[in-house]
């Protein structure tokens, strides 16, 4: 597998990281999937030469997919985040894990 370096402005990088987190993936994985689609011809119509229209179709399908995921509640929400104190409260985490084990064991 090859590594590549891509430079983007700070705002683009920040939005990409946020979107990747919402999709429970990484920016690298998003770029990898985009490049796979590009190399598979999903983003270009080589015979017709209508590359821009195909790219716009791909982006439209991607936007539709993200909208569907948003509608179904797939991804991360800021309300799901724990505070720093909650994150490091090991006693509460152990108690929650014990409750979950108990719940799963009683099913």
PDB file of N, CA and C in Angstrom:
ATOM      1  N   UNK A   1       0.851  -1.172   0.000  1.00  0.00           N
ATOM      2  CA  UNK A   1       0.000   0.000   0.000  1.00  0.00           C
ATOM      3  C   UNK A   1       0.900   1.239   0.000  1.00  0.00           C
ATOM      4  N   UNK A   2       0.527   2.217  -0.791  1.00  0.00           N
ATOM      5  CA  UNK A   2       1.287   3.459  -0.901  1.00  0.00           C
ATOM      6  C   UNK A   2       0.686   4.533  -0.013  1.00  0.00           C
ATOM      7  N   UNK A   3       1.531   5.419   0.468  1.00  0.00           N
ATOM      8  CA  UNK A   3       1.086   6.594   1.203  1.00  0.00           C
ATOM      9  C   UNK A   3       1.169   7.798   0.291  1.00  0.00           C
ATOM     10  N   UNK A   4       0.204   8.709   0.432  1.00  0.00           N
ATOM     11  CA  UNK A   4       0.250   9.962  -0.304  1.00  0.00           C
ATOM     12  C   UNK A   4       0.044  11.099   0.682  1.00  0.00           C
ATOM     13  N   UNK A   5       0.485  12.269   0.307  1.00  0.00           N
ATOM     14  CA  UNK A   5       0.300  13.459   1.128  1.00  0.00           C
ATOM     15  C   UNK A   5      -0.557  14.434   0.343  1.00  0.00           C
ATOM     16  N   UNK A   6      -1.580  14.953   1.004  1.00  0.00           N
ATOM     17  CA  UNK A   6      -2.488  15.904   0.375  1.00  0.00           C
ATOM     18  C   UNK A   6      -2.528  17.147   1.256  1.00  0.00           C
ATOM     19  N   UNK A   7      -2.420  18.306   0.639  1.00  0.00           N
ATOM     20  CA  UNK A   7      -2.502  19.564   1.382  1.00  0.00           C
ATOM     21  C   UNK A   7      -3.852  20.209   1.147  1.00  0.00           C
ATOM     22  N   UNK A   8      -4.503  20.587   2.235  1.00  0.00           N
ATOM     23  CA  UNK A   8      -5.788  21.293   2.158  1.00  0.00           C
ATOM     24  C   UNK A   8      -5.759  22.431   3.168  1.00  0.00           C
ATOM     25  N   UNK A   9      -6.630  23.393   2.965  1.00  0.00           N
ATOM     26  CA  UNK A   9      -6.687  24.510   3.912  1.00  0.00           C
ATOM     27  C   UNK A   9      -7.272  24.028   5.244  1.00  0.00           C
ATOM     28  N   UNK A  10      -7.048  24.802   6.287  1.00  0.00           N
ATOM     29  CA  UNK A  10      -7.465  24.418   7.638  1.00  0.00           C
ATOM     30  C   UNK A  10      -8.961  24.171   7.753  1.00  0.00           C
ATOM     31  N   UNK A  11      -9.772  25.019   7.119  1.00  0.00           N
ATOM     32  CA  UNK A  11     -11.224  24.879   7.218  1.00  0.00           C
ATOM     33  C   UNK A  11     -11.693  23.569   6.576  1.00  0.00           C
ATOM     34  N   UNK A  12     -11.127  23.239   5.430  1.00  0.00           N
ATOM     35  CA  UNK A  12     -11.493  21.991   4.758  1.00  0.00           C
ATOM     36  C   UNK A  12     -11.098  20.799   5.615  1.00  0.00           C
ATOM     37  N   UNK A  13      -9.904  20.842   6.167  1.00  0.00           N
ATOM     38  CA  UNK A  13      -9.429  19.743   7.011  1.00  0.00           C
ATOM     39  C   UNK A  13     -10.330  19.579   8.237  1.00  0.00           C
ATOM     40  N   UNK A  14     -10.699  20.681   8.860  1.00  0.00           N
ATOM     41  CA  UNK A  14     -11.564  20.623  10.046  1.00  0.00           C
ATOM     42  C   UNK A  14     -12.917  20.017   9.694  1.00  0.00           C
ATOM     43  N   UNK A  15     -13.521  20.464   8.585  1.00  0.00           N
ATOM     44  CA  UNK A  15     -14.822  19.915   8.179  1.00  0.00           C
ATOM     45  C   UNK A  15     -14.712  18.434   7.835  1.00  0.00           C
ATOM     46  N   UNK A  16     -13.608  18.052   7.212  1.00  0.00           N
ATOM     47  CA  UNK A  16     -13.406  16.639   6.859  1.00  0.00           C
ATOM     48  C   UNK A  16     -13.271  15.789   8.119  1.00  0.00           C
ATOM     49  N   UNK A  17     -12.543  16.278   9.112  1.00  0.00           N
ATOM     50  CA  UNK A  17     -12.398  15.522  10.362  1.00  0.00           C
ATOM     51  C   UNK A  17     -13.722  15.387  11.084  1.00  0.00           C
ATOM     52  N   UNK A  18     -14.510  16.455  11.091  1.00  0.00           N
ATOM     53  CA  UNK A  18     -15.821  16.406  11.736  1.00  0.00           C
ATOM     54  C   UNK A  18     -16.704  15.396  11.028  1.00  0.00           C
ATOM     55  N   UNK A  19     -16.734  15.449   9.697  1.00  0.00           N
ATOM     56  CA  UNK A  19     -17.578  14.529   8.925  1.00  0.00           C
ATOM     57  C   UNK A  19     -17.112  13.087   9.107  1.00  0.00           C
ATOM     58  N   UNK A  20     -15.806  12.889   9.124  1.00  0.00           N
ATOM     59  CA  UNK A  20     -15.276  11.540   9.335  1.00  0.00           C
ATOM     60  C   UNK A  20     -15.691  11.013  10.707  1.00  0.00           C
ATOM     61  N   UNK A  21     -15.632  11.864  11.724  1.00  0.00           N
ATOM     62  CA  UNK A  21     -16.058  11.450  13.068  1.00  0.00           C
ATOM     63  C   UNK A  21     -17.539  11.109  13.078  1.00  0.00           C
ATOM     64  N   UNK A  22     -18.347  11.894  12.392  1.00  0.00           N
ATOM     65  CA  UNK A  22     -19.782  11.607  12.313  1.00  0.00           C
ATOM     66  C   UNK A  22     -20.041  10.252  11.667  1.00  0.00           C
ATOM     67  N   UNK A  23     -19.185   9.865  10.744  1.00  0.00           N
ATOM     68  CA  UNK A  23     -19.345   8.594  10.033  1.00  0.00           C
ATOM     69  C   UNK A  23     -18.547   7.472  10.686  1.00  0.00           C
ATOM     70  N   UNK A  24     -17.940   7.770  11.841  1.00  0.00           N
ATOM     71  CA  UNK A  24     -17.153   6.793  12.584  1.00  0.00           C
ATOM     72  C   UNK A  24     -16.047   6.201  11.712  1.00  0.00           C
ATOM     73  N   UNK A  25     -15.316   7.060  11.045  1.00  0.00           N
ATOM     74  CA  UNK A  25     -14.214   6.647  10.179  1.00  0.00           C
ATOM     75  C   UNK A  25     -13.120   7.695  10.269  1.00  0.00           C
ATOM     76  N   UNK A  26     -12.159   7.631   9.382  1.00  0.00           N
ATOM     77  CA  UNK A  26     -11.065   8.599   9.374  1.00  0.00           C
ATOM     78  C   UNK A  26     -11.066   9.376   8.065  1.00  0.00           C
ATOM     79  N   UNK A  27     -10.373  10.496   8.079  1.00  0.00           N
ATOM     80  CA  UNK A  27     -10.223  11.280   6.847  1.00  0.00           C
ATOM     81  C   UNK A  27      -9.496  10.434   5.810  1.00  0.00           C
ATOM     82  N   UNK A  28      -8.496   9.686   6.235  1.00  0.00           N
ATOM     83  CA  UNK A  28      -7.770   8.821   5.300  1.00  0.00           C
ATOM     84  C   UNK A  28      -8.705   7.817   4.639  1.00  0.00           C
ATOM     85  N   UNK A  29      -9.610   7.235   5.411  1.00  0.00           N
ATOM     86  CA  UNK A  29     -10.547   6.263   4.839  1.00  0.00           C
ATOM     87  C   UNK A  29     -11.491   6.939   3.846  1.00  0.00           C
ATOM     88  N   UNK A  30     -11.921   8.162   4.140  1.00  0.00           N
ATOM     89  CA  UNK A  30     -12.782   8.884   3.210  1.00  0.00           C
ATOM     90  C   UNK A  30     -12.050   9.168   1.898  1.00  0.00           C
ATOM     91  N   UNK A  31     -10.803   9.614   2.010  1.00  0.00           N
ATOM     92  CA  UNK A  31     -10.011   9.893   0.805  1.00  0.00           C
ATOM     93  C   UNK A  31      -9.763   8.599   0.035  1.00  0.00           C
ATOM     94  N   UNK A  32      -9.457   7.522   0.751  1.00  0.00           N
ATOM     95  CA  UNK A  32      -9.218   6.233   0.105  1.00  0.00           C
ATOM     96  C   UNK A  32     -10.441   5.802  -0.703  1.00  0.00           C
ATOM     97  N   UNK A  33     -11.640   5.910  -0.104  1.00  0.00           N
ATOM     98  CA  UNK A  33     -12.865   5.510  -0.806  1.00  0.00           C
ATOM     99  C   UNK A  33     -13.126   6.422  -2.008  1.00  0.00           C
ATOM    100  N   UNK A  34     -12.843   7.702  -1.850  1.00  0.00           N
ATOM    101  CA  UNK A  34     -13.014   8.621  -2.976  1.00  0.00           C
ATOM    102  C   UNK A  34     -12.093   8.224  -4.125  1.00  0.00           C
ATOM    103  N   UNK A  35     -10.838   7.942  -3.805  1.00  0.00           N
ATOM    104  CA  UNK A  35      -9.883   7.575  -4.852  1.00  0.00           C
ATOM    105  C   UNK A  35     -10.226   6.233  -5.491  1.00  0.00           C
ATOM    106  N   UNK A  36     -10.757   5.308  -4.700  1.00  0.00           N
ATOM    107  CA  UNK A  36     -11.202   4.038  -5.275  1.00  0.00           C
ATOM    108  C   UNK A  36     -12.314   4.281  -6.288  1.00  0.00           C
ATOM    109  N   UNK A  37     -13.269   5.138  -5.917  1.00  0.00           N
ATOM    110  CA  UNK A  37     -14.353   5.479  -6.838  1.00  0.00           C
ATOM    111  C   UNK A  37     -13.840   6.166  -8.083  1.00  0.00           C
ATOM    112  N   UNK A  38     -12.885   7.038  -7.905  1.00  0.00           N
ATOM    113  CA  UNK A  38     -12.294   7.750  -9.033  1.00  0.00           C
ATOM    114  C   UNK A  38     -11.592   6.779  -9.979  1.00  0.00           C
ATOM    115  N   UNK A  39     -10.812   5.880  -9.403  1.00  0.00           N
ATOM    116  CA  UNK A  39     -10.063   4.939 -10.237  1.00  0.00           C
ATOM    117  C   UNK A  39     -10.955   3.876 -10.859  1.00  0.00           C
ATOM    118  N   UNK A  40     -12.114   3.616 -10.265  1.00  0.00           N
ATOM    119  CA  UNK A  40     -13.040   2.625 -10.812  1.00  0.00           C
ATOM    120  C   UNK A  40     -13.938   3.222 -11.890  1.00  0.00           C
ATOM    121  N   UNK A  41     -13.808   4.520 -12.137  1.00  0.00           N
ATOM    122  CA  UNK A  41     -14.614   5.156 -13.173  1.00  0.00           C
ATOM    123  C   UNK A  41     -15.940   5.679 -12.679  1.00  0.00           C
ATOM    124  N   UNK A  42     -16.170   5.594 -11.376  1.00  0.00           N
ATOM    125  CA  UNK A  42     -17.421   6.103 -10.819  1.00  0.00           C
ATOM    126  C   UNK A  42     -17.517   7.606 -11.020  1.00  0.00           C
ATOM    127  N   UNK A  43     -16.376   8.284 -10.981  1.00  0.00           N
ATOM    128  CA  UNK A  43     -16.379   9.745 -11.048  1.00  0.00           C
ATOM    129  C   UNK A  43     -16.149  10.279 -12.451  1.00  0.00           C
ATOM    130  N   UNK A  44     -15.845   9.423 -13.386  1.00  0.00           N
ATOM    131  CA  UNK A  44     -15.607   9.900 -14.743  1.00  0.00           C
ATOM    132  C   UNK A  44     -16.349   9.040 -15.735  1.00  0.00           C
ATOM    133  N   UNK A  45     -16.819   9.639 -16.751  1.00  0.00           N
ATOM    134  CA  UNK A  45     -17.415   8.920 -17.864  1.00  0.00           C
ATOM    135  C   UNK A  45     -16.447   9.075 -19.010  1.00  0.00           C
ATOM    136  N   UNK A  46     -15.500   8.167 -19.104  1.00  0.00           N
ATOM    137  CA  UNK A  46     -14.398   8.316 -20.059  1.00  0.00           C
ATOM    138  C   UNK A  46     -14.896   8.336 -21.498  1.00  0.00           C
ATOM    139  N   UNK A  47     -15.866   7.489 -21.816  1.00  0.00           N
ATOM    140  CA  UNK A  47     -16.321   7.402 -23.209  1.00  0.00           C
ATOM    141  C   UNK A  47     -16.988   8.701 -23.642  1.00  0.00           C
ATOM    142  N   UNK A  48     -17.846   9.235 -22.792  1.00  0.00           N
ATOM    143  CA  UNK A  48     -18.557  10.453 -23.149  1.00  0.00           C
ATOM    144  C   UNK A  48     -17.778  11.713 -22.846  1.00  0.00           C
ATOM    145  N   UNK A  49     -16.766  11.598 -22.039  1.00  0.00           N
ATOM    146  CA  UNK A  49     -15.961  12.753 -21.700  1.00  0.00           C
ATOM    147  C   UNK A  49     -16.677  13.744 -20.789  1.00  0.00           C
ATOM    148  N   UNK A  50     -17.802  13.346 -20.215  1.00  0.00           N
ATOM    149  CA  UNK A  50     -18.574  14.243 -19.363  1.00  0.00           C
ATOM    150  C   UNK A  50     -18.140  14.062 -17.918  1.00  0.00           C
ATOM    151  N   UNK A  51     -16.895  14.386 -17.658  1.00  0.00           N
ATOM    152  CA  UNK A  51     -16.304  14.154 -16.351  1.00  0.00           C
ATOM    153  C   UNK A  51     -16.956  14.995 -15.265  1.00  0.00           C
ATOM    154  N   UNK A  52     -17.238  16.247 -15.539  1.00  0.00           N
ATOM    155  CA  UNK A  52     -17.803  17.140 -14.525  1.00  0.00           C
ATOM    156  C   UNK A  52     -19.194  16.684 -14.097  1.00  0.00           C
ATOM    157  N   UNK A  53     -20.028  16.315 -15.055  1.00  0.00           N
ATOM    158  CA  UNK A  53     -21.381  15.869 -14.723  1.00  0.00           C
ATOM    159  C   UNK A  53     -21.330  14.604 -13.876  1.00  0.00           C
ATOM    160  N   UNK A  54     -20.434  13.669 -14.226  1.00  0.00           N
ATOM    161  CA  UNK A  54     -20.325  12.435 -13.469  1.00  0.00           C
ATOM    162  C   UNK A  54     -19.862  12.714 -12.046  1.00  0.00           C
ATOM    163  N   UNK A  55     -18.891  13.609 -11.891  1.00  0.00           N
ATOM    164  CA  UNK A  55     -18.403  13.981 -10.569  1.00  0.00           C
ATOM    165  C   UNK A  55     -19.529  14.612  -9.751  1.00  0.00           C
ATOM    166  N   UNK A  56     -20.303  15.479 -10.373  1.00  0.00           N
ATOM    167  CA  UNK A  56     -21.424  16.107  -9.675  1.00  0.00           C
ATOM    168  C   UNK A  56     -22.483  15.071  -9.296  1.00  0.00           C
ATOM    169  N   UNK A  57     -22.713  14.087 -10.160  1.00  0.00           N
ATOM    170  CA  UNK A  57     -23.644  12.995  -9.825  1.00  0.00           C
ATOM    171  C   UNK A  57     -23.153  12.218  -8.613  1.00  0.00           C
ATOM    172  N   UNK A  58     -21.855  11.936  -8.602  1.00  0.00           N
ATOM    173  CA  UNK A  58     -21.258  11.217  -7.479  1.00  0.00           C
ATOM    174  C   UNK A  58     -21.424  12.015  -6.182  1.00  0.00           C
ATOM    175  N   UNK A  59     -21.131  13.302  -6.234  1.00  0.00           N
ATOM    176  CA  UNK A  59     -21.277  14.132  -5.042  1.00  0.00           C
ATOM    177  C   UNK A  59     -22.728  14.206  -4.597  1.00  0.00           C
ATOM    178  N   UNK A  60     -23.657  14.250  -5.541  1.00  0.00           N
ATOM    179  CA  UNK A  60     -25.086  14.261  -5.210  1.00  0.00           C
ATOM    180  C   UNK A  60     -25.473  12.962  -4.508  1.00  0.00           C
ATOM    181  N   UNK A  61     -25.006  11.832  -5.040  1.00  0.00           N
ATOM    182  CA  UNK A  61     -25.309  10.548  -4.396  1.00  0.00           C
ATOM    183  C   UNK A  61     -24.697  10.487  -3.005  1.00  0.00           C
ATOM    184  N   UNK A  62     -23.493  11.025  -2.853  1.00  0.00           N
ATOM    185  CA  UNK A  62     -22.845  11.046  -1.551  1.00  0.00           C
ATOM    186  C   UNK A  62     -23.622  11.925  -0.577  1.00  0.00           C
ATOM    187  N   UNK A  63     -24.053  13.097  -1.027  1.00  0.00           N
ATOM    188  CA  UNK A  63     -24.874  13.973  -0.179  1.00  0.00           C
ATOM    189  C   UNK A  63     -26.174  13.284   0.219  1.00  0.00           C
ATOM    190  N   UNK A  64     -26.797  12.574  -0.722  1.00  0.00           N
ATOM    191  CA  UNK A  64     -28.029  11.843  -0.414  1.00  0.00           C
ATOM    192  C   UNK A  64     -27.776  10.770   0.650  1.00  0.00           C
ATOM    193  N   UNK A  65     -26.645  10.073   0.518  1.00  0.00           N
ATOM    194  CA  UNK A  65     -26.294   9.045   1.492  1.00  0.00           C
ATOM    195  C   UNK A  65     -26.100   9.660   2.875  1.00  0.00           C
ATOM    196  N   UNK A  66     -25.345  10.766   2.955  1.00  0.00           N
ATOM    197  CA  UNK A  66     -25.126  11.420   4.245  1.00  0.00           C
ATOM    198  C   UNK A  66     -26.442  11.935   4.829  1.00  0.00           C
ATOM    199  N   UNK A  67     -27.317  12.466   3.994  1.00  0.00           N
ATOM    200  CA  UNK A  67     -28.622  12.948   4.469  1.00  0.00           C
ATOM    201  C   UNK A  67     -29.431  11.798   5.035  1.00  0.00           C
ATOM    202  N   UNK A  68     -29.372  10.649   4.373  1.00  0.00           N
ATOM    203  CA  UNK A  68     -30.075   9.468   4.869  1.00  0.00           C
ATOM    204  C   UNK A  68     -29.514   9.035   6.215  1.00  0.00           C
ATOM    205  N   UNK A  69     -28.182   9.027   6.336  1.00  0.00           N
ATOM    206  CA  UNK A  69     -27.570   8.659   7.606  1.00  0.00           C
ATOM    207  C   UNK A  69     -27.960   9.644   8.699  1.00  0.00           C
ATOM    208  N   UNK A  70     -27.971  10.935   8.370  1.00  0.00           N
ATOM    209  CA  UNK A  70     -28.377  11.944   9.349  1.00  0.00           C
ATOM    210  C   UNK A  70     -29.817  11.728   9.785  1.00  0.00           C
ATOM    211  N   UNK A  71     -30.692  11.422   8.827  1.00  0.00           N
ATOM    212  CA  UNK A  71     -32.112  11.211   9.130  1.00  0.00           C
ATOM    213  C   UNK A  71     -32.304   9.989  10.027  1.00  0.00           C
ATOM    214  N   UNK A  72     -31.477   8.969   9.830  1.00  0.00           N
ATOM    215  CA  UNK A  72     -31.588   7.752  10.636  1.00  0.00           C
ATOM    216  C   UNK A  72     -30.784   7.827  11.925  1.00  0.00           C
ATOM    217  N   UNK A  73     -30.069   8.912  12.127  1.00  0.00           N
ATOM    218  CA  UNK A  73     -29.307   9.081  13.364  1.00  0.00           C
ATOM    219  C   UNK A  73     -27.999   8.312  13.393  1.00  0.00           C
ATOM    220  N   UNK A  74     -27.440   8.008  12.234  1.00  0.00           N
ATOM    221  CA  UNK A  74     -26.160   7.320  12.171  1.00  0.00           C
ATOM    222  C   UNK A  74     -25.057   8.337  12.400  1.00  0.00           C
ATOM    223  N   UNK A  75     -24.073   7.997  13.205  1.00  0.00           N
ATOM    224  CA  UNK A  75     -22.950   8.891  13.433  1.00  0.00           C
ATOM    225  C   UNK A  75     -22.897   9.387  14.859  1.00  0.00           C
ATOM    226  N   UNK A  76     -22.082  10.372  15.093  1.00  0.00           N
ATOM    227  CA  UNK A  76     -21.867  10.911  16.422  1.00  0.00           C
ATOM    228  C   UNK A  76     -22.579  12.238  16.579  1.00  0.00           C
ATOM    229  N   UNK A  77     -23.032  12.479  17.784  1.00  0.00           N
ATOM    230  CA  UNK A  77     -23.658  13.759  18.099  1.00  0.00           C
ATOM    231  C   UNK A  77     -22.902  14.391  19.261  1.00  0.00           C
ATOM    232  N   UNK A  78     -22.856  15.693  19.275  1.00  0.00           N
ATOM    233  CA  UNK A  78     -22.169  16.386  20.363  1.00  0.00           C
ATOM    234  C   UNK A  78     -22.801  16.035  21.709  1.00  0.00           C
ATOM    235  N   UNK A  79     -24.105  15.782  21.725  1.00  0.00           N
ATOM    236  CA  UNK A  79     -24.775  15.455  22.985  1.00  0.00           C
ATOM    237  C   UNK A  79     -24.324  14.106  23.530  1.00  0.00           C
ATOM    238  N   UNK A  80     -23.720  13.259  22.675  1.00  0.00           N
ATOM    239  CA  UNK A  80     -23.221  11.961  23.112  1.00  0.00           C
ATOM    240  C   UNK A  80     -21.874  12.063  23.814  1.00  0.00           C
ATOM    241  N   UNK A  81     -21.217  13.200  23.708  1.00  0.00           N
ATOM    242  CA  UNK A  81     -19.887  13.366  24.300  1.00  0.00           C
ATOM    243  C   UNK A  81     -19.975  13.432  25.816  1.00  0.00           C
ATOM    244  N   UNK A  82     -18.969  12.891  26.444  1.00  0.00           N
ATOM    245  CA  UNK A  82     -18.868  12.955  27.893  1.00  0.00           C
ATOM    246  C   UNK A  82     -18.014  14.153  28.287  1.00  0.00           C
ATOM    247  N   UNK A  83     -18.293  14.681  29.470  1.00  0.00           N
ATOM    248  CA  UNK A  83     -17.415  15.727  29.989  1.00  0.00           C
ATOM    249  C   UNK A  83     -16.098  15.072  30.412  1.00  0.00           C
ATOM    250  N   UNK A  84     -15.093  15.865  30.658  1.00  0.00           N
ATOM    251  CA  UNK A  84     -13.797  15.314  31.070  1.00  0.00           C
ATOM    252  C   UNK A  84     -13.935  14.521  32.369  1.00  0.00           C
ATOM    253  N   UNK A  85     -14.704  15.045  33.317  1.00  0.00           N
ATOM    254  CA  UNK A  85     -14.897  14.335  34.591  1.00  0.00           C
ATOM    255  C   UNK A  85     -15.605  12.997  34.371  1.00  0.00           C
ATOM    256  N   UNK A  86     -16.645  13.002  33.525  1.00  0.00           N
ATOM    257  CA  UNK A  86     -17.353  11.756  33.236  1.00  0.00           C
ATOM    258  C   UNK A  86     -16.456  10.749  32.525  1.00  0.00           C
ATOM    259  N   UNK A  87     -15.618  11.249  31.640  1.00  0.00           N
ATOM    260  CA  UNK A  87     -14.729  10.388  30.868  1.00  0.00           C
ATOM    261  C   UNK A  87     -13.760   9.636  31.773  1.00  0.00           C
ATOM    262  N   UNK A  88     -13.266  10.302  32.819  1.00  0.00           N
ATOM    263  CA  UNK A  88     -12.274   9.696  33.695  1.00  0.00           C
ATOM    264  C   UNK A  88     -12.863   9.164  34.999  1.00  0.00           C
ATOM    265  N   UNK A  89     -14.185   9.095  35.102  1.00  0.00           N
ATOM    266  CA  UNK A  89     -14.831   8.536  36.291  1.00  0.00           C
ATOM    267  C   UNK A  89     -14.874   7.013  36.142  1.00  0.00           C
ATOM    268  N   UNK A  90     -13.810   6.356  36.570  1.00  0.00           N
ATOM    269  CA  UNK A  90     -13.679   4.913  36.369  1.00  0.00           C
ATOM    270  C   UNK A  90     -14.719   4.120  37.159  1.00  0.00           C
ATOM    271  N   UNK A  91     -15.079   4.592  38.349  1.00  0.00           N
ATOM    272  CA  UNK A  91     -16.083   3.878  39.133  1.00  0.00           C
ATOM    273  C   UNK A  91     -17.419   3.855  38.408  1.00  0.00           C
ATOM    274  N   UNK A  92     -17.811   4.992  37.827  1.00  0.00           N
ATOM    275  CA  UNK A  92     -19.075   5.049  37.086  1.00  0.00           C
ATOM    276  C   UNK A  92     -18.997   4.170  35.842  1.00  0.00           C
ATOM    277  N   UNK A  93     -17.841   4.171  35.178  1.00  0.00           N
ATOM    278  CA  UNK A  93     -17.671   3.341  33.982  1.00  0.00           C
ATOM    279  C   UNK A  93     -17.762   1.862  34.337  1.00  0.00           C
ATOM    280  N   UNK A  94     -17.137   1.465  35.444  1.00  0.00           N
ATOM    281  CA  UNK A  94     -17.210   0.067  35.866  1.00  0.00           C
ATOM    282  C   UNK A  94     -18.643  -0.317  36.223  1.00  0.00           C
ATOM    283  N   UNK A  95     -19.344   0.574  36.901  1.00  0.00           N
ATOM    284  CA  UNK A  95     -20.739   0.292  37.271  1.00  0.00           C
ATOM    285  C   UNK A  95     -21.610   0.173  36.026  1.00  0.00           C
ATOM    286  N   UNK A  96     -21.403   1.046  35.054  1.00  0.00           N
ATOM    287  CA  UNK A  96     -22.185   0.979  33.814  1.00  0.00           C
ATOM    288  C   UNK A  96     -21.869  -0.309  33.060  1.00  0.00           C
ATOM    289  N   UNK A  97     -20.598  -0.706  33.034  1.00  0.00           N
ATOM    290  CA  UNK A  97     -20.213  -1.948  32.360  1.00  0.00           C
ATOM    291  C   UNK A  97     -20.835  -3.150  33.061  1.00  0.00           C
ATOM    292  N   UNK A  98     -20.866  -3.129  34.385  1.00  0.00           N
ATOM    293  CA  UNK A  98     -21.477  -4.231  35.138  1.00  0.00           C
ATOM    294  C   UNK A  98     -22.970  -4.310  34.850  1.00  0.00           C
ATOM    295  N   UNK A  99     -23.630  -3.143  34.787  1.00  0.00           N
ATOM    296  CA  UNK A  99     -25.066  -3.133  34.455  1.00  0.00           C
ATOM    297  C   UNK A  99     -25.304  -3.698  33.055  1.00  0.00           C
ATOM    298  N   UNK A 100     -24.444  -3.336  32.121  1.00  0.00           N
ATOM    299  CA  UNK A 100     -24.595  -3.816  30.753  1.00  0.00           C
ATOM    300  C   UNK A 100     -24.364  -5.334  30.679  1.00  0.00           C
ATOM    301  N   UNK A 101     -23.350  -5.824  31.398  1.00  0.00           N
ATOM    302  CA  UNK A 101     -23.105  -7.275  31.426  1.00  0.00           C
ATOM    303  C   UNK A 101     -24.298  -8.009  32.022  1.00  0.00           C
ATOM    304  N   UNK A 102     -24.829  -7.429  33.081  1.00  0.00           N
ATOM    305  CA  UNK A 102     -25.998  -8.031  33.738  1.00  0.00           C
ATOM    306  C   UNK A 102     -27.195  -8.048  32.809  1.00  0.00           C
ATOM    307  N   UNK A 103     -27.401  -6.944  32.093  1.00  0.00           N
ATOM    308  CA  UNK A 103     -28.517  -6.863  31.147  1.00  0.00           C
ATOM    309  C   UNK A 103     -28.362  -7.894  30.037  1.00  0.00           C
ATOM    310  N   UNK A 104     -27.158  -8.000  29.498  1.00  0.00           N
ATOM    311  CA  UNK A 104     -26.905  -8.950  28.418  1.00  0.00           C
ATOM    312  C   UNK A 104     -26.990 -10.394  28.896  1.00  0.00           C
ATOM    313  N   UNK A 105     -26.603 -10.619  30.152  1.00  0.00           N
ATOM    314  CA  UNK A 105     -26.652 -11.977  30.691  1.00  0.00           C
ATOM    315  C   UNK A 105     -28.064 -12.435  30.992  1.00  0.00           C
ATOM    316  N   UNK A 106     -28.975 -11.504  31.226  1.00  0.00           N
ATOM    317  CA  UNK A 106     -30.354 -11.875  31.590  1.00  0.00           C
ATOM    318  C   UNK A 106     -31.254 -12.033  30.382  1.00  0.00           C
ATOM    319  N   UNK A 107     -30.753 -11.704  29.173  1.00  0.00           N
ATOM    320  CA  UNK A 107     -31.581 -11.825  27.950  1.00  0.00           C
ATOM    321  C   UNK A 107     -31.695 -13.255  27.489  1.00  0.00           C
TER     322      UNK A 107
END
